[in-house]
C-alpha atoms as a PDB file:
ATOM      1  CA  MET A   1     112.858  46.609 -29.487  1.00  0.00           C
ATOM      2  CA  ALA A   2     114.411  46.728 -26.007  1.00  0.00           C
ATOM      3  CA  VAL A   3     117.352  49.107 -25.656  1.00  0.00           C
ATOM      4  CA  THR A   4     120.371  47.276 -24.229  1.00  0.00           C
ATOM      5  CA  ALA A   5     123.558  48.534 -22.593  1.00  0.00           C
ATOM      6  CA  LYS A   6     125.525  47.177 -25.561  1.00  0.00           C
ATOM      7  CA  MET A   7     123.458  49.273 -27.986  1.00  0.00           C
ATOM      8  CA  VAL A   8     123.947  52.375 -25.838  1.00  0.00           C
ATOM      9  CA  LYS A   9     127.713  51.797 -25.741  1.00  0.00           C
ATOM     10  CA  GLU A  10     127.841  51.331 -29.524  1.00  0.00           C
ATOM     11  CA  LEU A  11     125.981  54.580 -30.111  1.00  0.00           C
ATOM     12  CA  ARG A  12     128.142  56.447 -27.614  1.00  0.00           C
ATOM     13  CA  ASP A  13     131.308  55.229 -29.356  1.00  0.00           C
ATOM     14  CA  LEU A  14     129.944  56.338 -32.725  1.00  0.00           C
ATOM     15  CA  SER A  15     128.593  59.718 -31.683  1.00  0.00           C
ATOM     16  CA  GLY A  16     130.530  60.807 -28.626  1.00  0.00           C
ATOM     17  CA  ALA A  17     127.197  61.661 -27.004  1.00  0.00           C
ATOM     18  CA  GLY A  18     126.524  61.143 -23.299  1.00  0.00           C
ATOM     19  CA  MET A  19     124.949  57.953 -21.978  1.00  0.00           C
ATOM     20  CA  MET A  20     121.525  59.472 -21.268  1.00  0.00           C
ATOM     21  CA  ASP A  21     121.400  61.201 -24.662  1.00  0.00           C
ATOM     22  CA  ALA A  22     122.388  57.952 -26.414  1.00  0.00           C
ATOM     23  CA  LYS A  23     119.747  55.981 -24.536  1.00  0.00           C
ATOM     24  CA  LYS A  24     117.067  58.585 -25.265  1.00  0.00           C
ATOM     25  CA  ALA A  25     117.932  58.540 -28.969  1.00  0.00           C
ATOM     26  CA  LEU A  26     117.628  54.768 -29.145  1.00  0.00           C
ATOM     27  CA  VAL A  27     114.297  54.827 -27.325  1.00  0.00           C
ATOM     28  CA  GLU A  28     112.986  57.523 -29.685  1.00  0.00           C
ATOM     29  CA  VAL A  29     113.744  55.457 -32.824  1.00  0.00           C
ATOM     30  CA  GLY A  30     112.942  51.987 -31.504  1.00  0.00           C
ATOM     31  CA  GLY A  31     116.498  50.762 -31.019  1.00  0.00           C
ATOM     32  CA  ASN A  32     117.938  51.315 -34.513  1.00  0.00           C
ATOM     33  CA  VAL A  33     121.511  52.557 -34.026  1.00  0.00           C
ATOM     34  CA  GLU A  34     121.809  54.263 -37.445  1.00  0.00           C
ATOM     35  CA  GLU A  35     118.511  56.090 -36.976  1.00  0.00           C
ATOM     36  CA  ALA A  36     119.528  56.996 -33.426  1.00  0.00           C
ATOM     37  CA  MET A  37     122.751  58.504 -34.814  1.00  0.00           C
ATOM     38  CA  ASP A  38     120.676  60.624 -37.211  1.00  0.00           C
ATOM     39  CA  TRP A  39     118.401  61.647 -34.324  1.00  0.00           C
ATOM     40  CA  LEU A  40     121.409  62.818 -32.314  1.00  0.00           C
ATOM     41  CA  ARG A  41     122.748  64.719 -35.317  1.00  0.00           C
ATOM     42  CA  THR A  42     119.445  66.541 -35.845  1.00  0.00           C
ATOM     43  CA  LYS A  43     119.538  67.620 -32.225  1.00  0.00           C
ATOM     44  CA  GLY A  44     123.169  68.722 -32.564  1.00  0.00           C
ATOM     45  CA  LEU A  45     124.150  66.372 -29.758  1.00  0.00           C
ATOM     46  CA  ALA A  46     126.602  64.191 -31.664  1.00  0.00           C
ATOM     47  CA  LYS A  47     128.577  67.132 -33.038  1.00  0.00           C
ATOM     48  CA  ALA A  48     128.515  68.931 -29.696  1.00  0.00           C
ATOM     49  CA  ALA A  49     129.735  65.892 -27.775  1.00  0.00           C
ATOM     50  CA  LYS A  50     132.696  65.389 -30.096  1.00  0.00           C
ATOM     51  CA  LYS A  51     133.790  68.972 -29.469  1.00  0.00           C
ATOM     52  CA  ALA A  52     133.236  68.881 -25.717  1.00  0.00           C
ATOM     53  CA  GLY A  53     136.822  67.926 -24.913  1.00  0.00           C
ATOM     54  CA  ARG A  54     138.302  70.887 -26.779  1.00  0.00           C
ATOM     55  CA  THR A  55     139.495  73.852 -24.755  1.00  0.00           C
ATOM     56  CA  ALA A  56     137.143  76.828 -24.808  1.00  0.00           C
ATOM     57  CA  ALA A  57     138.990  79.758 -23.241  1.00  0.00           C
ATOM     58  CA  GLU A  58     137.837  82.621 -25.470  1.00  0.00           C
ATOM     59  CA  GLY A  59     134.354  84.089 -25.837  1.00  0.00           C
ATOM     60  CA  LEU A  60     132.560  86.949 -24.145  1.00  0.00           C
ATOM     61  CA  VAL A  61     131.444  88.300 -20.802  1.00  0.00           C
ATOM     62  CA  GLY A  62     128.051  89.992 -20.801  1.00  0.00           C
ATOM     63  CA  VAL A  63     126.549  92.338 -18.202  1.00  0.00           C
ATOM     64  CA  THR A  64     123.194  93.971 -17.586  1.00  0.00           C
ATOM     65  CA  VAL A  65     121.622  96.013 -14.786  1.00  0.00           C
ATOM     66  CA  GLU A  66     117.898  96.435 -14.147  1.00  0.00           C
ATOM     67  CA  ASN A  67     116.163  97.950 -11.126  1.00  0.00           C
ATOM     68  CA  GLY A  68     119.129  97.701  -8.778  1.00  0.00           C
ATOM     69  CA  VAL A  69     120.046  94.151  -9.834  1.00  0.00           C
ATOM     70  CA  GLY A  70     123.119  93.363 -11.928  1.00  0.00           C
ATOM     71  CA  VAL A  71     124.055  90.127 -13.699  1.00  0.00           C
ATOM     72  CA  VAL A  72     127.326  89.120 -15.327  1.00  0.00           C
ATOM     73  CA  VAL A  73     127.746  85.919 -17.374  1.00  0.00           C
ATOM     74  CA  GLU A  74     130.781  84.352 -19.057  1.00  0.00           C
ATOM     75  CA  VAL A  75     130.249  82.229 -22.172  1.00  0.00           C
ATOM     76  CA  ASN A  76     133.323  80.563 -23.637  1.00  0.00           C
ATOM     77  CA  SER A  77     134.259  79.525 -27.163  1.00  0.00           C
ATOM     78  CA  GLU A  78     137.411  78.093 -28.704  1.00  0.00           C
ATOM     79  CA  THR A  79     138.491  81.173 -30.662  1.00  0.00           C
ATOM     80  CA  ASP A  80     138.143  84.917 -30.250  1.00  0.00           C
ATOM     81  CA  PHE A  81     136.639  85.127 -33.757  1.00  0.00           C
ATOM     82  CA  VAL A  82     133.372  83.752 -32.382  1.00  0.00           C
ATOM     83  CA  GLY A  83     133.099  86.746 -30.037  1.00  0.00           C
ATOM     84  CA  LYS A  84     132.743  88.960 -33.145  1.00  0.00           C
ATOM     85  CA  ASN A  85     129.851  86.863 -34.466  1.00  0.00           C
ATOM     86  CA  ALA A  86     126.519  88.709 -34.132  1.00  0.00           C
ATOM     87  CA  ASP A  87     124.575  85.487 -33.493  1.00  0.00           C
ATOM     88  CA  PHE A  88     126.945  84.526 -30.683  1.00  0.00           C
ATOM     89  CA  GLN A  89     126.708  88.032 -29.201  1.00  0.00           C
ATOM     90  CA  ASN A  90     122.900  87.926 -29.273  1.00  0.00           C
ATOM     91  CA  MET A  91     122.939  84.485 -27.661  1.00  0.00           C
ATOM     92  CA  VAL A  92     125.221  85.619 -24.834  1.00  0.00           C
ATOM     93  CA  MET A  93     123.076  88.668 -24.137  1.00  0.00           C
ATOM     94  CA  SER A  94     119.937  86.507 -24.057  1.00  0.00           C
ATOM     95  CA  PHE A  95     121.625  84.410 -21.359  1.00  0.00           C
ATOM     96  CA  VAL A  96     122.529  87.541 -19.397  1.00  0.00           C
ATOM     97  CA  LYS A  97     118.912  88.746 -19.495  1.00  0.00           C
ATOM     98  CA  ALA A  98     117.737  85.292 -18.388  1.00  0.00           C
ATOM     99  CA  GLY A  99     120.113  85.595 -15.446  1.00  0.00           C
ATOM    100  CA  LEU A 100     117.960  88.360 -13.965  1.00  0.00           C
ATOM    101  CA  ALA A 101     115.324  85.749 -13.091  1.00  0.00           C
ATOM    102  CA  VAL A 102     117.635  83.098 -11.552  1.00  0.00           C
ATOM    103  CA  ASP A 103     120.186  82.930  -8.760  1.00  0.00           C
ATOM    104  CA  ASP A 104     122.996  80.623  -9.897  1.00  0.00           C
ATOM    105  CA  ILE A 105     124.702  79.007 -12.887  1.00  0.00           C
ATOM    106  CA  ASP A 106     122.749  75.733 -12.670  1.00  0.00           C
ATOM    107  CA  ALA A 107     119.431  77.566 -12.698  1.00  0.00           C
ATOM    108  CA  LEU A 108     120.656  79.687 -15.602  1.00  0.00           C
ATOM    109  CA  LYS A 109     121.501  76.617 -17.686  1.00  0.00           C
ATOM    110  CA  ALA A 110     117.948  75.361 -17.151  1.00  0.00           C
ATOM    111  CA  ALA A 111     116.354  78.760 -17.862  1.00  0.00           C
ATOM    112  CA  ASP A 112     114.195  79.271 -20.957  1.00  0.00           C
ATOM    113  CA  VAL A 113     115.420  81.443 -23.830  1.00  0.00           C
ATOM    114  CA  GLY A 114     113.164  81.439 -26.878  1.00  0.00           C
ATOM    115  CA  GLY A 115     111.568  78.062 -26.166  1.00  0.00           C
ATOM    116  CA  LYS A 116     114.800  76.200 -25.357  1.00  0.00           C
ATOM    117  CA  THR A 117     116.862  75.970 -22.227  1.00  0.00           C
ATOM    118  CA  VAL A 118     120.174  77.825 -22.151  1.00  0.00           C
ATOM    119  CA  GLU A 119     121.975  74.470 -22.259  1.00  0.00           C
ATOM    120  CA  GLU A 120     120.005  73.333 -25.329  1.00  0.00           C
ATOM    121  CA  THR A 121     120.686  76.681 -27.005  1.00  0.00           C
ATOM    122  CA  VAL A 122     124.434  76.211 -26.477  1.00  0.00           C
ATOM    123  CA  VAL A 123     124.290  72.698 -27.980  1.00  0.00           C
ATOM    124  CA  ALA A 124     122.504  74.054 -31.048  1.00  0.00           C
ATOM    125  CA  ALA A 125     125.074  76.872 -31.365  1.00  0.00           C
ATOM    126  CA  ILE A 126     127.953  74.368 -31.210  1.00  0.00           C
ATOM    127  CA  SER A 127     126.384  72.482 -34.098  1.00  0.00           C
ATOM    128  CA  THR A 128     125.886  75.678 -36.122  1.00  0.00           C
ATOM    129  CA  ILE A 129     129.124  77.558 -35.367  1.00  0.00           C
ATOM    130  CA  GLY A 130     131.352  74.488 -35.124  1.00  0.00           C
ATOM    131  CA  GLU A 131     133.233  75.263 -31.912  1.00  0.00           C
ATOM    132  CA  ASN A 132     133.009  73.955 -28.388  1.00  0.00           C
ATOM    133  CA  MET A 133     131.212  76.416 -26.109  1.00  0.00           C
ATOM    134  CA  SER A 134     130.175  76.568 -22.482  1.00  0.00           C
ATOM    135  CA  VAL A 135     128.283  78.808 -20.092  1.00  0.00           C
ATOM    136  CA  ARG A 136     130.995  78.894 -17.458  1.00  0.00           C
ATOM    137  CA  ARG A 137     130.199  81.460 -14.777  1.00  0.00           C
ATOM    138  CA  MET A 138     127.438  83.745 -13.584  1.00  0.00           C
ATOM    139  CA  ALA A 139     127.267  86.252 -10.737  1.00  0.00           C
ATOM    140  CA  LYS A 140     124.556  88.555  -9.459  1.00  0.00           C
ATOM    141  CA  LEU A 141     124.611  91.695  -7.290  1.00  0.00           C
ATOM    142  CA  SER A 142     121.977  93.975  -5.843  1.00  0.00           C
ATOM    143  CA  GLY A 143     122.106  97.279  -3.988  1.00  0.00           C
ATOM    144  CA  ASP A 144     120.775 100.823  -3.788  1.00  0.00           C
ATOM    145  CA  ILE A 145     122.965 101.574  -6.798  1.00  0.00           C
ATOM    146  CA  VAL A 146     124.408  98.926  -9.127  1.00  0.00           C
ATOM    147  CA  ALA A 147     126.642  99.929 -12.026  1.00  0.00           C
ATOM    148  CA  SER A 148     128.429  97.911 -14.679  1.00  0.00           C
ATOM    149  CA  TYR A 149     131.529  98.385 -16.773  1.00  0.00           C
ATOM    150  CA  VAL A 150     132.761  96.373 -19.764  1.00  0.00           C
ATOM    151  CA  HIS A 151     136.380  96.396 -20.916  1.00  0.00           C
ATOM    152  CA  GLY A 152     137.299  95.375 -24.456  1.00  0.00           C
ATOM    153  CA  SER A 153     133.741  96.045 -25.592  1.00  0.00           C
ATOM    154  CA  VAL A 154     132.585  94.460 -28.866  1.00  0.00           C
ATOM    155  CA  ALA A 155     128.912  95.417 -28.446  1.00  0.00           C
ATOM    156  CA  ASP A 156     126.703  97.034 -25.830  1.00  0.00           C
ATOM    157  CA  GLY A 157     127.199  95.128 -22.564  1.00  0.00           C
ATOM    158  CA  LEU A 158     129.618  92.600 -24.081  1.00  0.00           C
ATOM    159  CA  GLY A 159     133.404  92.406 -23.883  1.00  0.00           C
ATOM    160  CA  SER A 160     136.438  90.643 -22.438  1.00  0.00           C
ATOM    161  CA  ILE A 161     136.009  91.851 -18.836  1.00  0.00           C
ATOM    162  CA  GLY A 162     132.710  92.515 -17.104  1.00  0.00           C
ATOM    163  CA  VAL A 163     132.408  94.286 -13.743  1.00  0.00           C
ATOM    164  CA  LEU A 164     129.508  94.975 -11.397  1.00  0.00           C
ATOM    165  CA  VAL A 165     129.705  97.247  -8.348  1.00  0.00           C
ATOM    166  CA  ALA A 166     126.934  97.622  -5.757  1.00  0.00           C
ATOM    167  CA  LEU A 167     126.672 100.614  -3.429  1.00  0.00           C
ATOM    168  CA  LYS A 168     124.607 101.522  -0.415  1.00  0.00           C
ATOM    169  CA  GLY A 169     123.831 105.188  -1.033  1.00  0.00           C
ATOM    170  CA  GLY A 170     125.885 107.218  -3.464  1.00  0.00           C
ATOM    171  CA  ASP A 171     125.186 107.639  -7.167  1.00  0.00           C
ATOM    172  CA  GLU A 172     125.625 105.955 -10.533  1.00  0.00           C
ATOM    173  CA  THR A 173     128.750 107.940 -11.458  1.00  0.00           C
ATOM    174  CA  THR A 174     130.569 106.884  -8.296  1.00  0.00           C
ATOM    175  CA  ALA A 175     129.623 103.241  -8.843  1.00  0.00           C
ATOM    176  CA  LYS A 176     130.714 103.402 -12.495  1.00  0.00           C
ATOM    177  CA  ASN A 177     134.078 104.923 -11.620  1.00  0.00           C
ATOM    178  CA  ILE A 178     134.704 102.229  -8.998  1.00  0.00           C
ATOM    179  CA  ALA A 179     133.721  99.563 -11.543  1.00  0.00           C
ATOM    180  CA  MET A 180     136.348 100.934 -13.930  1.00  0.00           C
ATOM    181  CA  HIS A 181     138.886 100.815 -11.078  1.00  0.00           C
ATOM    182  CA  VAL A 182     137.997  97.159 -10.414  1.00  0.00           C
ATOM    183  CA  ALA A 183     138.471  96.292 -14.086  1.00  0.00           C
ATOM    184  CA  ALA A 184     141.962  97.812 -14.011  1.00  0.00           C
ATOM    185  CA  THR A 185     143.246  96.495 -10.660  1.00  0.00           C
ATOM    186  CA  ASN A 186     141.450  93.141 -10.190  1.00  0.00           C
ATOM    187  CA  PRO A 187     141.250  93.208  -6.355  1.00  0.00           C
ATOM    188  CA  ALA A 188     141.131  89.859  -4.564  1.00  0.00           C
ATOM    189  CA  SER A 189     138.347  90.900  -2.181  1.00  0.00           C
ATOM    190  CA  LEU A 190     136.278  93.821  -0.943  1.00  0.00           C
ATOM    191  CA  SER A 191     138.085  94.156   2.402  1.00  0.00           C
ATOM    192  CA  GLU A 192     140.431  92.331   4.777  1.00  0.00           C
ATOM    193  CA  ALA A 193     137.448  90.639   6.440  1.00  0.00           C
ATOM    194  CA  ASP A 194     136.457  88.651   3.353  1.00  0.00           C
ATOM    195  CA  LEU A 195     139.947  87.987   1.997  1.00  0.00           C
ATOM    196  CA  ASP A 196     140.800  84.285   1.661  1.00  0.00           C
ATOM    197  CA  GLN A 197     142.565  83.452   4.935  1.00  0.00           C
ATOM    198  CA  ALA A 198     144.763  80.859   3.248  1.00  0.00           C
ATOM    199  CA  LEU A 199     146.093  83.638   1.001  1.00  0.00           C
ATOM    200  CA  VAL A 200     146.670  85.879   4.040  1.00  0.00           C
ATOM    201  CA  GLU A 201     148.569  83.178   5.946  1.00  0.00           C
ATOM    202  CA  ARG A 202     150.688  82.303   2.937  1.00  0.00           C
ATOM    203  CA  GLU A 203     151.659  85.945   2.411  1.00  0.00           C
ATOM    204  CA  LYS A 204     152.367  86.404   6.114  1.00  0.00           C
ATOM    205  CA  SER A 205     154.585  83.304   6.129  1.00  0.00           C
ATOM    206  CA  VAL A 206     156.641  84.561   3.188  1.00  0.00           C
ATOM    207  CA  LEU A 207     156.998  88.042   4.676  1.00  0.00           C
ATOM    208  CA  THR A 208     157.995  86.587   8.065  1.00  0.00           C
ATOM    209  CA  GLU A 209     160.780  84.529   6.511  1.00  0.00           C
ATOM    210  CA  GLN A 210     161.990  87.541   4.552  1.00  0.00           C
ATOM    211  CA  ALA A 211     162.013  89.711   7.696  1.00  0.00           C
ATOM    212  CA  ARG A 212     163.914  87.095   9.742  1.00  0.00           C
ATOM    213  CA  GLU A 213     166.647  86.981   7.121  1.00  0.00           C
ATOM    214  CA  SER A 214     167.422  90.571   8.079  1.00  0.00           C
ATOM    215  CA  GLY A 215     168.761  89.327  11.427  1.00  0.00           C
ATOM    216  CA  LYS A 216     166.911  92.038  13.340  1.00  0.00           C
ATOM    217  CA  PRO A 217     165.411  91.461  16.827  1.00  0.00           C
ATOM    218  CA  GLU A 218     161.964  89.824  17.083  1.00  0.00           C
ATOM    219  CA  ASN A 219     160.167  93.006  18.169  1.00  0.00           C
ATOM    220  CA  ILE A 220     161.532  94.835  15.107  1.00  0.00           C
ATOM    221  CA  ILE A 221     160.601  91.883  12.886  1.00  0.00           C
ATOM    222  CA  GLU A 222     157.053  91.955  14.249  1.00  0.00           C
ATOM    223  CA  ASN A 223     156.669  95.624  13.309  1.00  0.00           C
ATOM    224  CA  MET A 224     158.194  94.948   9.877  1.00  0.00           C
ATOM    225  CA  ILE A 225     155.617  92.204   9.253  1.00  0.00           C
ATOM    226  CA  LYS A 226     152.739  94.470  10.339  1.00  0.00           C
ATOM    227  CA  GLY A 227     153.894  97.186   7.976  1.00  0.00           C
ATOM    228  CA  ARG A 228     154.335  94.804   5.075  1.00  0.00           C
ATOM    229  CA  MET A 229     150.953  93.146   5.656  1.00  0.00           C
ATOM    230  CA  LYS A 230     149.330  96.579   5.665  1.00  0.00           C
ATOM    231  CA  LYS A 231     150.939  97.238   2.289  1.00  0.00           C
ATOM    232  CA  PHE A 232     149.712  93.836   1.059  1.00  0.00           C
ATOM    233  CA  PHE A 233     146.128  94.626   2.094  1.00  0.00           C
ATOM    234  CA  SER A 234     146.375  98.004   0.351  1.00  0.00           C
ATOM    235  CA  GLU A 235     147.273  96.195  -2.868  1.00  0.00           C
ATOM    236  CA  VAL A 236     144.706  93.370  -2.906  1.00  0.00           C
ATOM    237  CA  THR A 237     141.568  94.639  -1.112  1.00  0.00           C
ATOM    238  CA  LEU A 238     139.299  97.047  -2.969  1.00  0.00           C
ATOM    239  CA  VAL A 239     138.447  99.459  -0.153  1.00  0.00           C
ATOM    240  CA  ASN A 240     142.154  99.821   0.770  1.00  0.00           C
ATOM    241  CA  GLN A 241     143.511 100.297  -2.758  1.00  0.00           C
ATOM    242  CA  ALA A 242     144.590 103.740  -3.943  1.00  0.00           C
ATOM    243  CA  PHE A 243     141.800 104.980  -6.202  1.00  0.00           C
ATOM    244  CA  VAL A 244     143.085 105.079  -9.797  1.00  0.00           C
ATOM    245  CA  MET A 245     141.161 108.310 -10.458  1.00  0.00           C
ATOM    246  CA  ASP A 246     142.553 110.000  -7.327  1.00  0.00           C
ATOM    247  CA  PRO A 247     145.546 108.104  -5.876  1.00  0.00           C
ATOM    248  CA  ASP A 248     145.621 110.376  -2.823  1.00  0.00           C
ATOM    249  CA  VAL A 249     142.575 108.570  -1.389  1.00  0.00           C
ATOM    250  CA  THR A 250     141.585 104.917  -1.058  1.00  0.00           C
ATOM    251  CA  VAL A 251     138.609 103.522  -2.962  1.00  0.00           C
ATOM    252  CA  GLY A 252     136.761 103.132   0.331  1.00  0.00           C
ATOM    253  CA  GLN A 253     137.374 106.783   1.208  1.00  0.00           C
ATOM    254  CA  ALA A 254     136.352 107.935  -2.271  1.00  0.00           C
ATOM    255  CA  ALA A 255     133.064 106.079  -1.864  1.00  0.00           C
ATOM    256  CA  LYS A 256     132.561 107.601   1.608  1.00  0.00           C
ATOM    257  CA  ASN A 257     133.249 111.083   0.249  1.00  0.00           C
ATOM    258  CA  ALA A 258     130.434 110.479  -2.253  1.00  0.00           C
ATOM    259  CA  GLY A 259     128.045 109.405   0.513  1.00  0.00           C
ATOM    260  CA  ALA A 260     128.320 105.716  -0.374  1.00  0.00           C
ATOM    261  CA  GLU A 261     129.455 102.379   1.011  1.00  0.00           C
ATOM    262  CA  ILE A 262     130.650  99.625  -1.311  1.00  0.00           C
ATOM    263  CA  VAL A 263     128.642  96.500  -0.506  1.00  0.00           C
ATOM    264  CA  GLY A 264     129.919  94.216  -3.234  1.00  0.00           C
ATOM    265  CA  PHE A 265     131.690  93.806  -6.548  1.00  0.00           C
ATOM    266  CA  VAL A 266     132.195  91.138  -9.193  1.00  0.00           C
ATOM    267  CA  ARG A 267     134.820  90.977 -11.924  1.00  0.00           C
ATOM    268  CA  LEU A 268     134.755  88.247 -14.584  1.00  0.00           C
ATOM    269  CA  GLU A 269     137.403  88.035 -17.282  1.00  0.00           C
ATOM    270  CA  VAL A 270     137.079  85.752 -20.290  1.00  0.00           C
ATOM    271  CA  GLY A 271     139.118  82.567 -19.897  1.00  0.00           C
ATOM    272  CA  GLU A 272     140.380  83.478 -16.433  1.00  0.00           C
ATOM    273  CA  GLY A 273     141.943  80.396 -14.841  1.00  0.00           C
ATOM    274  CA  ILE A 274     141.587  78.171 -17.923  1.00  0.00           C
ATOM    275  CA  GLU A 275     144.793  76.540 -19.085  1.00  0.00           C
ATOM    276  CA  LYS A 276     145.073  77.300 -22.772  1.00  0.00           C
ATOM    277  CA  LYS A 277     146.542  74.665 -25.061  1.00  0.00           C
ATOM    278  CA  VAL A 278     149.053  76.230 -27.433  1.00  0.00           C
ATOM    279  CA  GLU A 279     149.401  74.445 -30.758  1.00  0.00           C
ATOM    280  CA  ASP A 280     151.591  75.001 -33.761  1.00  0.00           C
ATOM    281  CA  PHE A 281     149.250  76.578 -36.330  1.00  0.00           C
ATOM    282  CA  ALA A 282     150.940  74.921 -39.327  1.00  0.00           C
ATOM    283  CA  ALA A 283     150.738  71.537 -37.600  1.00  0.00           C
ATOM    284  CA  GLU A 284     147.064  72.140 -36.802  1.00  0.00           C
ATOM    285  CA  VAL A 285     146.309  72.931 -40.476  1.00  0.00           C
ATOM    286  CA  ALA A 286     148.253  69.868 -41.610  1.00  0.00           C
ATOM    287  CA  LYS A 287     146.335  67.712 -39.141  1.00  0.00           C
ATOM    288  CA  THR A 288     143.028  69.101 -40.377  1.00  0.00           C
ATOM    289  CA  MET A 289     144.015  68.469 -44.012  1.00  0.00           C
ATOM    290  CA  GLY A 290     145.177  64.945 -43.163  1.00  0.00           C
ATOM    291  CA  GLY A 291     148.802  65.806 -43.843  1.00  0.00           C
END
């Protein structure tokens, strides 16, 4: 039987699956919509698609370092309870390990883990665990020394914040201490040179207006702005921040004192930037119970 657009639409409406998945299901079973629905269910695609619109802002960040290469991956779920699930933890760590062999998030989703792609593994987990999930972000760093740090750890290499720091020269202890600093302070960039210029201009504009309200002469205002921008850079750039373990020196100077140069860092925090939908718990239970 030929698969028509009408049949695909009907199956999509029933299952919530994507167009290509619906079409593939119909082709696999010879065009029978009920059998195609069963096919989607066995693959976990129907259940996964219906949950895809639900906000997943919890989960875990996983990190690993091997032979001077570090990987950090964020996998989201709907509730923080899932992060305590051993199966979910093992799945996340398998994705992190797979990240050592790829360079970006798209390649990671297509990577093989135990005979399935990462994306297929997530779909199967959604069907089993019953929550929407997504592999949201991945980052990779390399250097002479690469160290990791996990904050809010629930298992080895897994927690709520994952940090990687790469050094040229230096040692593991220095890199680890800087990684802990990054977890605590969340710098916007490594240095002034790679700070988002739009952020710099916006800050400069605000500080300029504030300085002009003082009514002081332009030459004084100019010096005020320079001083305030220097303070701004010392707050948001890693190498210029006061080192939390020795506030008398900057992080950049601390690295230099240890014979190192910081060449990169990454900090991923679970749910960062995701708008969380807040619902009344009693109303949610009533809705689930049909009340």
